[in-house]
Amino acid sequence: MSISLSKGQRIDLTKTNPGLTKVIVGLGWDTNKYAGSQDFDLDACAFLANKSSQVVNDEEFVFYNNLKSPNGAVEHTGDNRTGVGDGDDEQIAVDFSLLPDHVEKIGISVTIHDADARGQNFGQVSNAFVRLIDAETNEEVLRYDLGEDFSIETAVVVCELYKHGNDWKFNAIGSGFSGGLADLCRNYGLSV
């Protein structure tokens, strides 16, 4: 049975679900009525960071231009450029057993492509959610509906998977981030 989380809640993943090694992080959203002439293209990405929240090499930033981490531990299943339809708009697969030892957290974010040029922001996005699925059984483990708390932000840090001892946990963050993808990358120590 899936667990519904609220902003700020943390939950054990592997301790309470022994044998859970492969998960799918599904992200979905809708856009509000929009008077602009440009498509609304949201992009999910994953930052594989060390304990200092820094990504140590560019290949461990997984997004639409780098769909897989070096050994395949984290894989983006592809860019959805319109968000049309029900269910997950984009998915990121994670195999905890393949993660290198230096990766202690995975930050999952969503940004709006060309947000400034298109005059778009997360105030125009609704019904955003993240859910975590057991990749072996296809059962939903948890779901976090982000709510409507955003306004002018062009990026949202949705959640974080993080290591605690030998186990992995989930943190429902749901915080807006100004500056879009470039600032988000710099925040994780990447050069842009």
Protein backbone atom coordinates (compact mmCIF):
# COMPACT_ATOMS: atom_id res chain seq x y z
CA MET A 1 0.00 0.00 0.00
CA SER A 2 1.39 3.39 -1.01
CA ILE A 3 2.21 5.99 1.65
CA SER A 4 1.27 9.64 1.08
CA LEU A 5 3.88 12.11 2.26
CA SER A 6 3.73 15.81 3.05
CA LYS A 7 6.43 18.41 2.50
CA GLY A 8 9.35 17.84 4.85
CA GLN A 9 8.52 14.23 5.70
CA ARG A 10 11.22 11.58 5.54
CA ILE A 11 10.70 7.87 5.23
CA ASP A 12 12.85 4.75 5.25
CA LEU A 13 12.98 2.99 1.92
CA THR A 14 15.28 -0.01 2.18
CA LYS A 15 15.05 -0.63 5.94
CA THR A 16 11.28 -1.07 5.89
CA ASN A 17 11.32 -2.76 2.47
CA PRO A 18 14.12 -5.34 2.65
CA GLY A 19 15.25 -6.33 -0.82
CA LEU A 20 14.21 -3.03 -2.40
CA THR A 21 17.15 -2.23 -4.67
CA LYS A 22 15.58 -0.95 -7.89
CA VAL A 23 13.12 1.92 -7.83
CA ILE A 24 11.53 4.24 -10.35
CA VAL A 25 11.00 7.87 -9.44
CA GLY A 26 7.97 9.02 -11.44
CA LEU A 27 7.26 12.72 -11.82
CA GLY A 28 4.10 14.29 -13.20
CA TRP A 29 2.55 17.71 -13.67
CA ASP A 30 -0.06 19.71 -15.52
CA THR A 31 0.12 23.26 -16.77
CA ASN A 32 -2.55 25.83 -16.02
CA LYS A 33 -4.27 27.69 -18.82
CA TYR A 34 -1.49 29.59 -20.46
CA ALA A 35 -1.78 32.53 -22.81
CA GLY A 36 1.76 32.24 -24.21
CA SER A 37 2.57 30.80 -27.60
CA GLN A 38 5.40 28.50 -26.49
CA ASP A 39 5.17 24.89 -25.35
CA PHE A 40 5.67 24.28 -21.64
CA ASP A 41 8.64 21.90 -21.38
CA LEU A 42 9.48 20.65 -17.87
CA ASP A 43 12.58 18.54 -17.33
CA ALA A 44 13.37 16.14 -14.51
CA CYS A 45 16.98 15.64 -13.49
CA ALA A 46 19.00 13.76 -10.87
CA PHE A 47 22.15 14.96 -9.11
CA LEU A 48 24.26 12.11 -7.71
CA ALA A 49 26.02 13.87 -4.86
CA ASN A 50 28.49 13.06 -2.14
CA LYS A 51 27.91 13.70 1.58
CA SER A 52 28.75 17.39 1.03
CA SER A 53 25.93 17.65 -1.55
CA GLN A 54 28.42 18.06 -4.39
CA VAL A 55 28.42 16.16 -7.69
CA VAL A 56 32.03 15.05 -8.26
CA ASN A 57 31.88 14.65 -12.05
CA ASP A 58 29.59 15.85 -14.84
CA GLU A 59 28.56 12.30 -15.79
CA GLU A 60 26.80 11.95 -12.44
CA PHE A 61 24.32 14.67 -13.38
CA VAL A 62 21.55 12.75 -15.15
CA PHE A 63 19.15 14.73 -17.35
CA TYR A 64 17.83 14.93 -20.93
CA ASN A 65 21.34 15.37 -22.40
CA ASN A 66 22.95 12.67 -20.22
CA LEU A 67 20.39 9.93 -19.77
CA LYS A 68 22.53 7.49 -17.78
CA SER A 69 25.11 7.67 -14.99
CA PRO A 70 28.47 5.98 -15.78
CA ASN A 71 27.57 2.43 -14.65
CA GLY A 72 23.83 2.71 -15.23
CA ALA A 73 22.88 3.07 -11.55
CA VAL A 74 20.63 6.02 -12.44
CA GLU A 75 18.85 6.30 -15.76
CA HIS A 76 16.46 8.92 -17.14
CA THR A 77 13.87 7.27 -19.36
CA GLY A 78 13.49 10.23 -21.71
CA ASP A 79 12.34 13.79 -22.15
CA ASN A 80 8.63 14.58 -22.33
CA ARG A 81 8.38 17.98 -23.97
CA THR A 82 4.71 18.75 -23.42
CA GLY A 83 3.50 17.06 -20.21
CA VAL A 84 0.33 16.03 -22.00
CA GLY A 85 -1.54 13.01 -20.65
CA ASP A 86 -2.08 11.31 -17.31
CA GLY A 87 0.42 9.56 -15.08
CA ASP A 88 4.16 10.09 -14.95
CA ASP A 89 5.51 12.65 -17.40
CA GLU A 90 9.12 11.64 -16.82
CA GLN A 91 10.80 8.82 -14.90
CA ILE A 92 14.21 8.22 -13.37
CA ALA A 93 15.25 4.65 -12.56
CA VAL A 94 17.62 4.07 -9.64
CA ASP A 95 19.46 0.85 -8.75
CA PHE A 96 20.80 1.36 -5.22
CA SER A 97 23.09 -1.69 -5.53
CA LEU A 98 25.04 -0.10 -8.41
CA LEU A 99 25.60 3.32 -6.87
CA PRO A 100 29.28 4.12 -6.25
CA ASP A 101 30.29 4.42 -2.58
CA HIS A 102 30.88 8.18 -2.84
CA VAL A 103 27.24 8.82 -3.86
CA GLU A 104 25.34 9.44 -0.64
CA LYS A 105 22.34 11.37 -1.95
CA ILE A 106 20.39 11.82 -5.15
CA GLY A 107 18.68 15.18 -5.56
CA ILE A 108 15.65 15.02 -7.87
CA SER A 109 14.60 18.32 -9.44
CA VAL A 110 12.32 19.64 -12.14
CA THR A 111 13.12 22.73 -14.18
CA ILE A 112 11.31 24.63 -16.93
CA HIS A 113 13.24 24.68 -20.21
CA ASP A 114 13.94 28.26 -21.40
CA ALA A 115 11.70 29.58 -18.63
CA ASP A 116 12.97 33.16 -18.71
CA ALA A 117 12.79 33.47 -22.50
CA ARG A 118 9.30 32.00 -22.54
CA GLY A 119 8.06 33.94 -19.50
CA GLN A 120 7.11 30.74 -17.69
CA ASN A 121 7.33 29.72 -14.03
CA PHE A 122 6.05 27.15 -11.56
CA GLY A 123 3.11 29.39 -10.66
CA GLN A 124 1.69 28.13 -13.97
CA VAL A 125 2.14 24.47 -13.00
CA SER A 126 -0.40 22.43 -11.06
CA ASN A 127 -0.99 18.85 -9.88
CA ALA A 128 2.74 18.22 -9.57
CA PHE A 129 3.69 14.98 -7.86
CA VAL A 130 6.48 12.51 -7.35
CA ARG A 131 5.97 8.84 -6.65
CA LEU A 132 8.38 6.04 -5.95
CA ILE A 133 7.72 2.65 -7.49
CA ASP A 134 9.32 -0.71 -6.70
CA ALA A 135 10.77 -1.55 -10.13
CA GLU A 136 10.58 -5.31 -9.48
CA THR A 137 6.90 -5.47 -8.50
CA ASN A 138 5.67 -2.25 -10.16
CA GLU A 139 3.94 -1.33 -6.86
CA GLU A 140 3.87 2.28 -5.72
CA VAL A 141 5.79 2.63 -2.44
CA LEU A 142 5.06 6.30 -1.77
CA ARG A 143 3.59 9.42 -3.29
CA TYR A 144 4.16 13.08 -2.56
CA ASP A 145 1.82 15.69 -4.06
CA LEU A 146 3.69 18.99 -4.14
CA GLY A 147 0.65 21.29 -3.84
CA GLU A 148 0.37 24.77 -5.30
CA ASP A 149 3.00 26.58 -3.26
CA PHE A 150 5.06 27.92 -6.12
CA SER A 151 5.01 31.27 -7.88
CA ILE A 152 7.93 32.78 -9.79
CA GLU A 153 10.39 29.91 -9.38
CA THR A 154 11.75 28.21 -12.50
CA ALA A 155 13.07 25.12 -10.73
CA VAL A 156 11.81 22.90 -7.92
CA VAL A 157 13.87 20.56 -5.78
CA VAL A 158 11.28 17.83 -5.51
CA CYS A 159 12.87 15.22 -3.27
CA GLU A 160 16.08 13.60 -2.21
CA LEU A 161 17.06 9.97 -1.80
CA TYR A 162 19.80 9.76 0.79
CA LYS A 163 21.94 7.18 2.48
CA HIS A 164 21.65 6.62 6.21
CA GLY A 165 24.09 3.95 7.35
CA ASN A 166 23.54 1.12 4.89
CA ASP A 167 19.97 2.12 4.12
CA TRP A 168 18.34 4.62 1.77
CA LYS A 169 15.68 7.10 2.78
CA PHE A 170 13.34 9.49 0.97
CA ASN A 171 12.99 13.17 1.86
CA ALA A 172 9.97 15.10 0.48
CA ILE A 173 11.47 18.54 -0.12
CA GLY A 174 9.21 20.45 -2.54
CA SER A 175 11.12 23.74 -2.45
CA GLY A 176 11.19 26.30 -5.23
CA PHE A 177 14.57 27.40 -6.53
CA SER A 178 15.25 30.61 -8.40
CA GLY A 179 17.69 30.76 -11.30
CA GLY A 180 16.65 27.63 -13.15
CA LEU A 181 18.85 24.72 -14.13
CA ALA A 182 22.13 26.67 -14.31
CA ASP A 183 21.93 27.88 -10.70
CA LEU A 184 20.78 24.46 -9.57
CA CYS A 185 23.87 22.90 -11.21
CA ARG A 186 26.16 25.44 -9.52
CA ASN A 187 24.49 24.65 -6.20
CA TYR A 188 25.61 21.03 -6.62
CA GLY A 189 29.17 22.10 -7.52
CA LEU A 190 28.96 21.69 -11.29
CA SER A 191 30.51 24.23 -13.67
CA VAL A 192 28.05 25.77 -16.10
